């Protein structure tokens, strides 16, 4: 889609589609769009409210004051515009579905990259430990011979760490794919995952210094 998420005229159409489902106030419309995009796109009030005002001016929606909220409802004229723009409506839904799938694919790639980076850090730390041990041994041949190979405990810990990463990687991938198939991959979950992977990676690298 052009612009932030919607091409010209698509936001107007999508607001009518949402109102054809049930009357809503402005914030509910913003929330509905955010949920449809799994939190990856949130339209501003400055984007939504002027369009609602224009729709009301054209007689496509009505406005009803309920306390401090203004509730918008579609009119017969608004439903007629949706009907006349049936082909555009189908294309709009396809565009949104494609956008959500692309975001899910991007998330899987980011997770894979983060997990690979953690595994590389473990391998690098192991190599560094071997090199450091060899350097500290100096000219002591006996010590140098044993330092060239990590201790049994280090090798065991490395295998355990790599198995833990593999289990985490597999578990998260399964959960992500299942969520994407249900069309329910919220943006908050994506941000939490990225933040936590970055945080854990930093802690791990600091501990391995």
N, C-alpha and C. Protein backbone atom coordinates (compact mmCIF):
# COMPACT_ATOMS: atom_id res chain seq x y z
N UNK A 1 0.83 -1.20 0.00
CA UNK A 1 0.00 0.00 0.00
C UNK A 1 0.87 1.25 0.00
N UNK A 2 0.37 2.31 -0.64
CA UNK A 2 1.08 3.57 -0.63
C UNK A 2 0.82 4.28 0.68
N UNK A 3 1.60 5.34 0.95
CA UNK A 3 1.43 6.05 2.20
C UNK A 3 1.84 5.15 3.34
N UNK A 4 1.40 5.50 4.55
CA UNK A 4 1.81 4.68 5.69
C UNK A 4 1.28 3.27 5.58
N UNK A 5 0.01 3.10 5.19
CA UNK A 5 -0.56 1.77 5.03
C UNK A 5 -1.65 1.74 3.96
N UNK A 6 -2.36 2.84 3.77
CA UNK A 6 -3.49 2.89 2.85
C UNK A 6 -3.17 3.77 1.65
N UNK A 7 -3.62 3.34 0.49
CA UNK A 7 -3.51 4.18 -0.70
C UNK A 7 -4.63 5.21 -0.69
N UNK A 8 -4.60 6.13 -1.66
CA UNK A 8 -5.58 7.21 -1.71
C UNK A 8 -7.00 6.64 -1.76
N UNK A 9 -7.84 7.10 -0.84
CA UNK A 9 -9.23 6.68 -0.82
C UNK A 9 -9.50 5.40 -0.06
N UNK A 10 -8.44 4.65 0.29
CA UNK A 10 -8.65 3.37 0.96
C UNK A 10 -9.05 3.55 2.43
N UNK A 11 -8.50 4.55 3.11
CA UNK A 11 -8.89 4.78 4.49
C UNK A 11 -10.38 5.11 4.59
N UNK A 12 -10.86 5.95 3.68
CA UNK A 12 -12.28 6.31 3.64
C UNK A 12 -13.12 5.05 3.49
N UNK A 13 -12.75 4.19 2.55
CA UNK A 13 -13.49 2.96 2.31
C UNK A 13 -13.44 2.04 3.51
N UNK A 14 -12.27 1.95 4.15
CA UNK A 14 -12.13 1.02 5.26
C UNK A 14 -12.94 1.49 6.47
N UNK A 15 -13.03 2.79 6.67
CA UNK A 15 -13.86 3.32 7.75
C UNK A 15 -15.32 2.95 7.52
N UNK A 16 -15.77 3.05 6.28
CA UNK A 16 -17.14 2.65 5.96
C UNK A 16 -17.36 1.16 6.21
N UNK A 17 -16.36 0.35 5.84
CA UNK A 17 -16.47 -1.09 6.06
C UNK A 17 -16.60 -1.40 7.54
N UNK A 18 -15.77 -0.76 8.36
CA UNK A 18 -15.82 -1.00 9.81
C UNK A 18 -17.16 -0.55 10.38
N UNK A 19 -17.67 0.58 9.92
CA UNK A 19 -18.95 1.07 10.42
C UNK A 19 -20.12 0.24 9.91
N UNK A 20 -19.93 -0.46 8.81
CA UNK A 20 -21.00 -1.33 8.31
C UNK A 20 -21.18 -2.54 9.22
N UNK A 21 -20.16 -2.84 10.03
CA UNK A 21 -20.24 -3.95 10.97
C UNK A 21 -21.02 -3.55 12.22
N UNK A 22 -20.81 -2.32 12.69
CA UNK A 22 -21.51 -1.80 13.87
C UNK A 22 -21.12 -0.34 14.06
N UNK A 23 -21.99 0.46 14.70
CA UNK A 23 -21.62 1.85 15.01
C UNK A 23 -20.41 1.88 15.95
N UNK A 24 -19.57 2.88 15.79
CA UNK A 24 -18.36 2.99 16.61
C UNK A 24 -18.03 4.45 16.83
N UNK A 25 -17.37 4.73 17.94
CA UNK A 25 -16.81 6.07 18.11
C UNK A 25 -15.39 6.08 17.54
N UNK A 26 -14.81 7.25 17.45
CA UNK A 26 -13.53 7.38 16.75
C UNK A 26 -12.43 6.50 17.29
N UNK A 27 -12.30 6.45 18.62
CA UNK A 27 -11.22 5.65 19.20
C UNK A 27 -11.41 4.17 18.92
N UNK A 28 -12.66 3.71 18.90
CA UNK A 28 -12.92 2.31 18.56
C UNK A 28 -12.49 2.00 17.13
N UNK A 29 -12.68 2.94 16.24
CA UNK A 29 -12.24 2.76 14.86
C UNK A 29 -10.72 2.66 14.78
N UNK A 30 -10.04 3.52 15.51
CA UNK A 30 -8.57 3.48 15.55
C UNK A 30 -8.10 2.13 16.10
N UNK A 31 -8.75 1.66 17.18
CA UNK A 31 -8.39 0.37 17.76
C UNK A 31 -8.65 -0.77 16.79
N UNK A 32 -9.75 -0.71 16.06
CA UNK A 32 -10.08 -1.77 15.10
C UNK A 32 -9.02 -1.87 14.01
N UNK A 33 -8.55 -0.73 13.54
CA UNK A 33 -7.51 -0.72 12.51
C UNK A 33 -6.19 -1.25 13.08
N UNK A 34 -5.86 -0.83 14.30
CA UNK A 34 -4.64 -1.33 14.94
C UNK A 34 -4.68 -2.85 15.10
N UNK A 35 -5.81 -3.38 15.54
CA UNK A 35 -5.94 -4.83 15.71
C UNK A 35 -5.83 -5.56 14.37
N UNK A 36 -6.41 -4.96 13.33
CA UNK A 36 -6.36 -5.60 12.00
C UNK A 36 -4.93 -5.72 11.51
N UNK A 37 -4.08 -4.76 11.89
CA UNK A 37 -2.68 -4.78 11.47
C UNK A 37 -1.76 -5.34 12.57
N UNK A 38 -2.35 -6.02 13.56
CA UNK A 38 -1.59 -6.64 14.63
C UNK A 38 -0.66 -5.65 15.33
N UNK A 39 -1.11 -4.40 15.46
CA UNK A 39 -0.33 -3.41 16.17
C UNK A 39 0.78 -2.77 15.38
N UNK A 40 0.99 -3.20 14.14
CA UNK A 40 2.09 -2.65 13.34
C UNK A 40 1.75 -1.28 12.76
N UNK A 41 0.48 -0.94 12.71
CA UNK A 41 0.07 0.37 12.19
C UNK A 41 -1.08 0.89 13.03
N UNK A 42 -0.94 2.12 13.54
CA UNK A 42 -1.99 2.76 14.31
C UNK A 42 -2.25 4.13 13.68
N UNK A 43 -3.41 4.32 13.06
CA UNK A 43 -3.68 5.63 12.44
C UNK A 43 -3.83 6.71 13.50
N UNK A 44 -3.41 7.90 13.19
CA UNK A 44 -3.52 9.01 14.13
C UNK A 44 -4.93 9.56 14.12
N UNK A 45 -5.26 10.27 15.19
CA UNK A 45 -6.57 10.93 15.25
C UNK A 45 -6.70 11.93 14.10
N UNK A 46 -5.58 12.56 13.74
CA UNK A 46 -5.59 13.51 12.64
C UNK A 46 -5.82 12.88 11.30
N UNK A 47 -5.65 11.56 11.22
CA UNK A 47 -5.94 10.84 9.99
C UNK A 47 -7.41 10.40 9.94
N UNK A 48 -7.94 9.96 11.08
CA UNK A 48 -9.27 9.36 11.12
C UNK A 48 -10.39 10.40 11.21
N UNK A 49 -10.28 11.34 12.14
CA UNK A 49 -11.41 12.23 12.41
C UNK A 49 -11.77 13.17 11.24
N UNK A 50 -10.82 13.73 10.53
CA UNK A 50 -11.20 14.54 9.37
C UNK A 50 -11.96 13.73 8.31
N UNK A 51 -11.60 12.48 8.14
CA UNK A 51 -12.30 11.63 7.17
C UNK A 51 -13.72 11.32 7.65
N UNK A 52 -13.86 11.09 8.96
CA UNK A 52 -15.20 10.86 9.50
C UNK A 52 -16.07 12.11 9.31
N UNK A 53 -15.49 13.27 9.53
CA UNK A 53 -16.24 14.51 9.34
C UNK A 53 -16.68 14.66 7.88
N UNK A 54 -15.79 14.28 6.95
CA UNK A 54 -16.13 14.37 5.52
C UNK A 54 -17.23 13.38 5.17
N UNK A 55 -17.15 12.17 5.72
CA UNK A 55 -18.19 11.16 5.47
C UNK A 55 -19.55 11.64 5.99
N UNK A 56 -19.53 12.27 7.15
CA UNK A 56 -20.77 12.78 7.73
C UNK A 56 -21.33 13.92 6.87
N UNK A 57 -20.43 14.78 6.39
CA UNK A 57 -20.85 15.90 5.54
C UNK A 57 -21.49 15.41 4.26
N UNK A 58 -21.02 14.28 3.74
CA UNK A 58 -21.55 13.72 2.50
C UNK A 58 -22.76 12.82 2.74
N UNK A 59 -23.15 12.65 3.99
CA UNK A 59 -24.32 11.85 4.29
C UNK A 59 -24.07 10.35 4.27
N UNK A 60 -22.84 9.95 4.34
CA UNK A 60 -22.51 8.52 4.31
C UNK A 60 -22.50 7.91 5.71
N UNK A 61 -22.33 8.75 6.73
CA UNK A 61 -22.43 8.31 8.11
C UNK A 61 -23.20 9.36 8.91
N UNK A 62 -23.73 8.94 10.04
CA UNK A 62 -24.39 9.87 10.96
C UNK A 62 -23.54 10.00 12.22
N UNK A 63 -23.74 11.09 12.94
CA UNK A 63 -23.04 11.32 14.20
C UNK A 63 -24.06 11.46 15.32
N UNK A 64 -23.83 10.75 16.42
CA UNK A 64 -24.71 10.84 17.58
C UNK A 64 -23.86 11.06 18.82
N UNK A 65 -24.20 12.10 19.57
CA UNK A 65 -23.45 12.39 20.79
C UNK A 65 -23.96 11.51 21.93
N UNK A 66 -23.05 10.75 22.53
CA UNK A 66 -23.38 9.92 23.67
C UNK A 66 -22.42 10.28 24.80
N UNK A 67 -22.89 11.15 25.69
CA UNK A 67 -22.00 11.65 26.72
C UNK A 67 -20.92 12.50 26.09
N UNK A 68 -19.67 12.14 26.35
CA UNK A 68 -18.55 12.89 25.78
C UNK A 68 -18.03 12.24 24.50
N UNK A 69 -18.70 11.21 24.02
CA UNK A 69 -18.27 10.50 22.82
C UNK A 69 -19.22 10.76 21.66
N UNK A 70 -18.65 10.77 20.48
CA UNK A 70 -19.43 10.88 19.26
C UNK A 70 -19.42 9.53 18.56
N UNK A 71 -20.58 8.94 18.41
CA UNK A 71 -20.69 7.62 17.80
C UNK A 71 -21.10 7.79 16.34
N UNK A 72 -20.41 7.09 15.47
CA UNK A 72 -20.67 7.17 14.03
C UNK A 72 -21.38 5.89 13.58
N UNK A 73 -22.37 6.05 12.70
CA UNK A 73 -23.10 4.91 12.15
C UNK A 73 -23.24 5.09 10.65
N UNK A 74 -23.14 4.01 9.91
CA UNK A 74 -23.23 4.10 8.45
C UNK A 74 -24.68 4.31 8.03
N UNK A 75 -24.88 5.02 6.94
CA UNK A 75 -26.21 5.25 6.37
C UNK A 75 -26.39 4.34 5.16
N UNK A 76 -27.59 4.34 4.61
CA UNK A 76 -27.84 3.57 3.40
C UNK A 76 -26.94 4.04 2.26
N UNK A 77 -26.69 5.34 2.22
CA UNK A 77 -25.81 5.88 1.17
C UNK A 77 -24.39 5.36 1.36
N UNK A 78 -23.97 5.23 2.63
CA UNK A 78 -22.64 4.67 2.89
C UNK A 78 -22.55 3.23 2.46
N UNK A 79 -23.57 2.44 2.73
CA UNK A 79 -23.58 1.03 2.30
C UNK A 79 -23.58 0.93 0.78
N UNK A 80 -24.25 1.88 0.14
CA UNK A 80 -24.27 1.87 -1.32
C UNK A 80 -22.88 2.15 -1.89
N UNK A 81 -22.14 3.04 -1.25
CA UNK A 81 -20.77 3.30 -1.73
C UNK A 81 -19.91 2.04 -1.60
N UNK A 82 -20.06 1.31 -0.49
CA UNK A 82 -19.32 0.06 -0.33
C UNK A 82 -19.68 -0.91 -1.45
N UNK A 83 -20.99 -0.98 -1.74
CA UNK A 83 -21.43 -1.91 -2.78
C UNK A 83 -20.84 -1.52 -4.13
N UNK A 84 -20.83 -0.23 -4.44
CA UNK A 84 -20.32 0.23 -5.72
C UNK A 84 -18.80 0.03 -5.82
N UNK A 85 -18.14 0.03 -4.67
CA UNK A 85 -16.68 -0.14 -4.67
C UNK A 85 -16.29 -1.57 -4.26
N UNK A 86 -17.12 -2.53 -4.63
CA UNK A 86 -16.90 -3.93 -4.24
C UNK A 86 -15.54 -4.45 -4.65
N UNK A 87 -15.11 -4.13 -5.88
CA UNK A 87 -13.80 -4.60 -6.34
C UNK A 87 -12.68 -3.99 -5.52
N UNK A 88 -12.80 -2.71 -5.19
CA UNK A 88 -11.79 -2.04 -4.37
C UNK A 88 -11.77 -2.63 -2.96
N UNK A 89 -12.96 -2.97 -2.45
CA UNK A 89 -13.04 -3.57 -1.11
C UNK A 89 -12.28 -4.88 -1.07
N UNK A 90 -12.48 -5.73 -2.07
CA UNK A 90 -11.78 -7.02 -2.12
C UNK A 90 -10.28 -6.81 -2.21
N UNK A 91 -9.85 -5.84 -3.04
CA UNK A 91 -8.43 -5.57 -3.20
C UNK A 91 -7.83 -5.04 -1.89
N UNK A 92 -8.59 -4.20 -1.19
CA UNK A 92 -8.13 -3.64 0.08
C UNK A 92 -7.90 -4.76 1.10
N UNK A 93 -8.85 -5.68 1.21
CA UNK A 93 -8.68 -6.79 2.14
C UNK A 93 -7.49 -7.66 1.76
N UNK A 94 -7.28 -7.88 0.47
CA UNK A 94 -6.12 -8.65 0.02
C UNK A 94 -4.82 -7.93 0.37
N UNK A 95 -4.81 -6.61 0.19
CA UNK A 95 -3.61 -5.82 0.51
C UNK A 95 -3.29 -5.92 2.01
N UNK A 96 -4.31 -5.83 2.84
CA UNK A 96 -4.09 -5.91 4.29
C UNK A 96 -3.58 -7.30 4.67
N UNK A 97 -4.20 -8.34 4.12
CA UNK A 97 -3.74 -9.71 4.41
C UNK A 97 -2.29 -9.90 4.01
N UNK A 98 -1.94 -9.38 2.83
CA UNK A 98 -0.57 -9.50 2.35
C UNK A 98 0.40 -8.77 3.27
N UNK A 99 0.01 -7.58 3.72
CA UNK A 99 0.85 -6.80 4.61
C UNK A 99 1.08 -7.52 5.92
N UNK A 100 0.03 -8.11 6.49
CA UNK A 100 0.15 -8.82 7.77
C UNK A 100 1.05 -10.05 7.60
N UNK A 101 0.90 -10.77 6.48
CA UNK A 101 1.76 -11.94 6.24
C UNK A 101 3.22 -11.53 6.10
N UNK A 102 3.48 -10.41 5.42
CA UNK A 102 4.85 -9.93 5.27
C UNK A 102 5.46 -9.59 6.61
N UNK A 103 4.66 -9.00 7.51
CA UNK A 103 5.17 -8.67 8.84
C UNK A 103 5.47 -9.93 9.64
N UNK A 104 4.63 -10.97 9.47
CA UNK A 104 4.87 -12.24 10.17
C UNK A 104 6.15 -12.89 9.66
N UNK A 105 6.35 -12.86 8.32
CA UNK A 105 7.57 -13.43 7.75
C UNK A 105 8.80 -12.68 8.23
N UNK A 106 8.67 -11.36 8.30
CA UNK A 106 9.79 -10.55 8.76
C UNK A 106 10.14 -10.88 10.21
N UNK A 107 9.12 -11.12 11.03
CA UNK A 107 9.36 -11.47 12.42
C UNK A 107 10.09 -12.80 12.53
N UNK A 108 9.66 -13.78 11.75
CA UNK A 108 10.33 -15.08 11.78
C UNK A 108 11.81 -14.95 11.39
N UNK A 109 12.08 -14.11 10.38
CA UNK A 109 13.46 -13.90 9.95
C UNK A 109 14.28 -13.24 11.07
N UNK A 110 13.66 -12.28 11.77
CA UNK A 110 14.37 -11.59 12.86
C UNK A 110 14.68 -12.56 14.00
N UNK A 111 13.71 -13.43 14.31
CA UNK A 111 13.94 -14.41 15.37
C UNK A 111 15.06 -15.37 14.98
N UNK A 112 15.02 -15.83 13.73
CA UNK A 112 16.06 -16.75 13.27
C UNK A 112 17.43 -16.08 13.35
N UNK A 113 17.49 -14.81 12.93
CA UNK A 113 18.77 -14.08 12.98
C UNK A 113 19.26 -13.93 14.41
N UNK A 114 18.33 -13.60 15.33
CA UNK A 114 18.71 -13.41 16.73
C UNK A 114 19.22 -14.71 17.34
N UNK A 115 18.53 -15.83 17.04
CA UNK A 115 18.96 -17.12 17.58
C UNK A 115 20.32 -17.52 17.01
N UNK A 116 20.53 -17.28 15.71
CA UNK A 116 21.83 -17.60 15.10
C UNK A 116 22.93 -16.77 15.73
N UNK A 117 22.61 -15.49 16.04
CA UNK A 117 23.60 -14.62 16.65
C UNK A 117 23.99 -15.13 18.04
N UNK A 118 23.01 -15.58 18.82
CA UNK A 118 23.31 -16.12 20.14
C UNK A 118 24.18 -17.37 20.04
N UNK A 119 23.86 -18.24 19.08
CA UNK A 119 24.66 -19.45 18.90
C UNK A 119 26.09 -19.11 18.49
N UNK A 120 26.21 -18.12 17.61
CA UNK A 120 27.55 -17.69 17.19
C UNK A 120 28.33 -17.13 18.37
N UNK A 121 27.64 -16.41 19.25
CA UNK A 121 28.31 -15.86 20.44
C UNK A 121 28.84 -16.98 21.33
N UNK A 122 28.07 -18.04 21.46
CA UNK A 122 28.53 -19.17 22.27
C UNK A 122 29.77 -19.82 21.66
N UNK A 123 29.71 -20.03 20.35
CA UNK A 123 30.86 -20.63 19.68
C UNK A 123 32.09 -19.74 19.79
N UNK A 124 31.87 -18.42 19.60
CA UNK A 124 32.98 -17.49 19.68
C UNK A 124 33.58 -17.49 21.08
N UNK A 125 32.71 -17.53 22.10
CA UNK A 125 33.20 -17.54 23.48
C UNK A 125 34.03 -18.79 23.76
N UNK A 126 33.57 -19.92 23.20
CA UNK A 126 34.32 -21.16 23.40
C UNK A 126 35.70 -21.09 22.74
N UNK A 127 35.74 -20.53 21.52
CA UNK A 127 37.02 -20.39 20.81
C UNK A 127 37.94 -19.44 21.54
N UNK A 128 37.36 -18.35 22.06
CA UNK A 128 38.16 -17.38 22.81
C UNK A 128 38.74 -18.01 24.07
N UNK A 129 37.93 -18.82 24.72
CA UNK A 129 38.41 -19.48 25.95
C UNK A 129 39.57 -20.41 25.64
N UNK A 130 39.49 -21.15 24.52
CA UNK A 130 40.59 -22.04 24.15
C UNK A 130 41.85 -21.25 23.84
N UNK A 131 41.69 -20.14 23.09
CA UNK A 131 42.86 -19.34 22.73
C UNK A 131 43.49 -18.71 23.96
N UNK A 132 42.65 -18.19 24.87
CA UNK A 132 43.16 -17.56 26.07
C UNK A 132 43.90 -18.56 26.95
N UNK A 133 43.35 -19.76 27.06
CA UNK A 133 44.00 -20.79 27.87
C UNK A 133 45.35 -21.16 27.28
N UNK A 134 45.40 -21.24 25.97
CA UNK A 134 46.65 -21.60 25.30
C UNK A 134 47.70 -20.51 25.49
N UNK A 135 47.24 -19.23 25.41
CA UNK A 135 48.16 -18.11 25.59
C UNK A 135 48.71 -18.07 27.01
N UNK A 136 47.88 -18.26 28.00
CA UNK A 136 48.30 -18.21 29.39
C UNK A 136 49.25 -19.34 29.74
N UNK A 137 49.16 -20.42 29.00
CA UNK A 137 50.03 -21.56 29.31
C UNK A 137 51.48 -21.26 28.98
N UNK A 138 51.68 -20.32 28.04
CA UNK A 138 53.05 -19.94 27.68
C UNK A 138 53.83 -21.11 27.13
N UNK A 139 55.03 -21.29 27.68
CA UNK A 139 55.93 -22.34 27.19
C UNK A 139 55.79 -23.65 27.95
N UNK A 140 54.79 -23.72 28.80
CA UNK A 140 54.61 -24.96 29.58
C UNK A 140 53.93 -25.98 28.68
N UNK A 141 54.69 -26.92 28.16
CA UNK A 141 54.16 -27.84 27.16
C UNK A 141 53.01 -28.68 27.70
N UNK A 142 53.14 -29.12 28.90
CA UNK A 142 52.10 -29.98 29.44
C UNK A 142 50.79 -29.22 29.54
N UNK A 143 50.89 -27.98 30.03
CA UNK A 143 49.68 -27.18 30.16
C UNK A 143 49.13 -26.81 28.80
N UNK A 144 50.01 -26.51 27.86
CA UNK A 144 49.57 -26.13 26.52
C UNK A 144 48.83 -27.28 25.85
N UNK A 145 49.29 -28.48 26.06
CA UNK A 145 48.66 -29.63 25.43
C UNK A 145 47.24 -29.81 25.94
N UNK A 146 47.04 -29.62 27.23
CA UNK A 146 45.70 -29.79 27.78
C UNK A 146 44.81 -28.59 27.50
N UNK A 147 45.40 -27.37 27.41
CA UNK A 147 44.61 -26.16 27.20
C UNK A 147 44.08 -26.07 25.78
N UNK A 148 44.65 -26.81 24.82
CA UNK A 148 44.21 -26.76 23.44
C UNK A 148 42.81 -27.32 23.28
N UNK A 149 42.36 -28.09 24.25
CA UNK A 149 41.03 -28.69 24.20
C UNK A 149 40.25 -28.23 25.43
N UNK A 150 39.04 -27.71 25.24
CA UNK A 150 38.25 -27.28 26.40
C UNK A 150 38.04 -28.44 27.37
N UNK A 151 37.88 -28.12 28.62
CA UNK A 151 37.64 -29.15 29.61
C UNK A 151 36.32 -29.86 29.34
N UNK A 152 36.16 -31.03 29.94
CA UNK A 152 34.92 -31.79 29.75
C UNK A 152 33.72 -30.99 30.24
N UNK A 153 33.90 -30.24 31.33
CA UNK A 153 32.80 -29.45 31.88
C UNK A 153 32.39 -28.34 30.91
N UNK A 154 33.40 -27.68 30.29
CA UNK A 154 33.09 -26.61 29.33
C UNK A 154 32.36 -27.16 28.12
N UNK A 155 32.85 -28.30 27.62
CA UNK A 155 32.18 -28.91 26.46
C UNK A 155 30.75 -29.31 26.80
N UNK A 156 30.56 -29.84 28.00
CA UNK A 156 29.21 -30.24 28.42
C UNK A 156 28.30 -29.02 28.54
N UNK A 157 28.81 -27.94 29.13
CA UNK A 157 28.02 -26.72 29.27
C UNK A 157 27.66 -26.12 27.92
N UNK A 158 28.61 -26.18 27.00
CA UNK A 158 28.35 -25.65 25.66
C UNK A 158 27.26 -26.45 24.96
N UNK A 159 27.32 -27.78 25.08
CA UNK A 159 26.27 -28.61 24.47
C UNK A 159 24.92 -28.32 25.10
N UNK A 160 24.88 -28.17 26.42
CA UNK A 160 23.61 -27.89 27.11
C UNK A 160 23.04 -26.54 26.66
N UNK A 161 23.94 -25.54 26.54
CA UNK A 161 23.49 -24.21 26.12
C UNK A 161 22.93 -24.25 24.71
N UNK A 162 23.62 -24.96 23.82
CA UNK A 162 23.16 -25.04 22.43
C UNK A 162 21.84 -25.80 22.33
N UNK A 163 21.67 -26.85 23.15
CA UNK A 163 20.41 -27.58 23.14
C UNK A 163 19.27 -26.67 23.65
N UNK A 164 19.57 -25.85 24.67
CA UNK A 164 18.56 -24.93 25.18
C UNK A 164 18.14 -23.93 24.10
N UNK A 165 19.11 -23.42 23.35
CA UNK A 165 18.80 -22.49 22.27
C UNK A 165 17.98 -23.17 21.18
N UNK A 166 18.33 -24.40 20.85
CA UNK A 166 17.59 -25.13 19.83
C UNK A 166 16.14 -25.36 20.25
N UNK A 167 15.94 -25.73 21.55
CA UNK A 167 14.58 -25.94 22.02
C UNK A 167 13.78 -24.64 21.99
N UNK A 168 14.43 -23.54 22.42
CA UNK A 168 13.74 -22.25 22.40
C UNK A 168 13.40 -21.84 20.98
N UNK A 169 14.36 -22.00 20.08
CA UNK A 169 14.17 -21.65 18.68
C UNK A 169 12.98 -22.41 18.10
N UNK A 170 12.96 -23.73 18.31
CA UNK A 170 11.88 -24.55 17.76
C UNK A 170 10.53 -24.19 18.37
N UNK A 171 10.51 -23.98 19.70
CA UNK A 171 9.25 -23.66 20.36
C UNK A 171 8.67 -22.34 19.89
N UNK A 172 9.53 -21.32 19.76
CA UNK A 172 9.05 -20.01 19.32
C UNK A 172 8.58 -20.06 17.88
N UNK A 173 9.30 -20.78 17.03
CA UNK A 173 8.90 -20.89 15.62
C UNK A 173 7.52 -21.54 15.49
N UNK A 174 7.28 -22.58 16.28
CA UNK A 174 5.98 -23.25 16.24
C UNK A 174 4.89 -22.29 16.67
N UNK A 175 5.14 -21.55 17.76
CA UNK A 175 4.15 -20.59 18.26
C UNK A 175 3.88 -19.48 17.24
N UNK A 176 4.93 -18.98 16.60
CA UNK A 176 4.78 -17.91 15.61
C UNK A 176 3.98 -18.38 14.41
N UNK A 177 4.32 -19.56 13.90
CA UNK A 177 3.60 -20.08 12.75
C UNK A 177 2.14 -20.33 13.08
N UNK A 178 1.86 -20.87 14.28
CA UNK A 178 0.48 -21.12 14.68
C UNK A 178 -0.29 -19.82 14.78
N UNK A 179 0.34 -18.78 15.36
CA UNK A 179 -0.33 -17.48 15.49
C UNK A 179 -0.59 -16.87 14.13
N UNK A 180 0.37 -16.99 13.21
CA UNK A 180 0.20 -16.42 11.86
C UNK A 180 -0.93 -17.14 11.12
N UNK A 181 -1.03 -18.44 11.28
CA UNK A 181 -2.10 -19.20 10.63
C UNK A 181 -3.47 -18.80 11.17
N UNK A 182 -3.52 -18.44 12.46
CA UNK A 182 -4.78 -17.98 13.05
C UNK A 182 -5.03 -16.50 12.75
N UNK A 183 -4.09 -15.87 12.04
CA UNK A 183 -4.17 -14.42 11.77
C UNK A 183 -4.24 -13.65 13.08
N UNK A 184 -3.42 -14.07 14.04
CA UNK A 184 -3.44 -13.45 15.36
C UNK A 184 -2.01 -13.33 15.88
N UNK A 185 -1.24 -12.42 15.29
CA UNK A 185 0.13 -12.19 15.70
C UNK A 185 0.27 -10.73 16.11
N UNK A 186 -0.06 -10.40 17.36
CA UNK A 186 -0.09 -8.99 17.79
C UNK A 186 1.28 -8.34 17.78
N UNK A 187 1.27 -7.06 17.45
CA UNK A 187 2.52 -6.31 17.40
C UNK A 187 3.21 -6.25 18.74
N UNK A 188 2.44 -6.21 19.84
CA UNK A 188 3.05 -6.16 21.17
C UNK A 188 3.91 -7.39 21.42
N UNK A 189 3.43 -8.56 20.97
CA UNK A 189 4.20 -9.79 21.15
C UNK A 189 5.51 -9.73 20.38
N UNK A 190 5.46 -9.15 19.19
CA UNK A 190 6.66 -9.01 18.36
C UNK A 190 7.69 -8.13 19.07
N UNK A 191 7.21 -6.99 19.59
CA UNK A 191 8.13 -6.07 20.25
C UNK A 191 8.72 -6.69 21.52
N UNK A 192 7.90 -7.40 22.27
CA UNK A 192 8.40 -8.05 23.49
C UNK A 192 9.47 -9.08 23.13
N UNK A 193 9.22 -9.88 22.10
CA UNK A 193 10.18 -10.90 21.70
C UNK A 193 11.51 -10.28 21.29
N UNK A 194 11.45 -9.25 20.46
CA UNK A 194 12.69 -8.61 20.01
C UNK A 194 13.45 -7.98 21.18
N UNK A 195 12.70 -7.30 22.06
CA UNK A 195 13.34 -6.65 23.20
C UNK A 195 13.99 -7.68 24.13
N UNK A 196 13.28 -8.77 24.38
CA UNK A 196 13.81 -9.78 25.31
C UNK A 196 15.01 -10.51 24.72
N UNK A 197 14.98 -10.80 23.42
CA UNK A 197 16.13 -11.44 22.79
C UNK A 197 17.35 -10.54 22.86
N UNK A 198 17.14 -9.26 22.60
CA UNK A 198 18.25 -8.30 22.69
C UNK A 198 18.79 -8.22 24.12
N UNK A 199 17.87 -8.19 25.09
CA UNK A 199 18.28 -8.09 26.50
C UNK A 199 19.05 -9.33 26.93
N UNK A 200 18.50 -10.52 26.62
CA UNK A 200 19.17 -11.77 27.03
C UNK A 200 20.51 -11.92 26.33
N UNK A 201 20.54 -11.54 25.04
CA UNK A 201 21.82 -11.61 24.32
C UNK A 201 22.88 -10.75 24.95
N UNK A 202 22.50 -9.55 25.39
CA UNK A 202 23.47 -8.66 26.04
C UNK A 202 23.95 -9.22 27.36
N UNK A 203 23.03 -9.80 28.14
CA UNK A 203 23.42 -10.40 29.41
C UNK A 203 24.36 -11.58 29.20
N UNK A 204 24.05 -12.40 28.21
CA UNK A 204 24.87 -13.57 27.93
C UNK A 204 26.28 -13.15 27.48
N UNK A 205 26.34 -12.18 26.59
CA UNK A 205 27.66 -11.74 26.10
C UNK A 205 28.49 -11.15 27.24
N UNK A 206 27.83 -10.40 28.14
CA UNK A 206 28.55 -9.82 29.28
C UNK A 206 29.07 -10.93 30.21
N UNK A 207 28.27 -11.97 30.40
CA UNK A 207 28.68 -13.06 31.28
C UNK A 207 29.82 -13.89 30.70
N UNK A 208 29.95 -13.85 29.38
CA UNK A 208 30.97 -14.66 28.71
C UNK A 208 32.25 -13.89 28.47
N UNK A 209 32.28 -12.61 28.86
CA UNK A 209 33.50 -11.82 28.66
C UNK A 209 34.66 -12.39 29.47
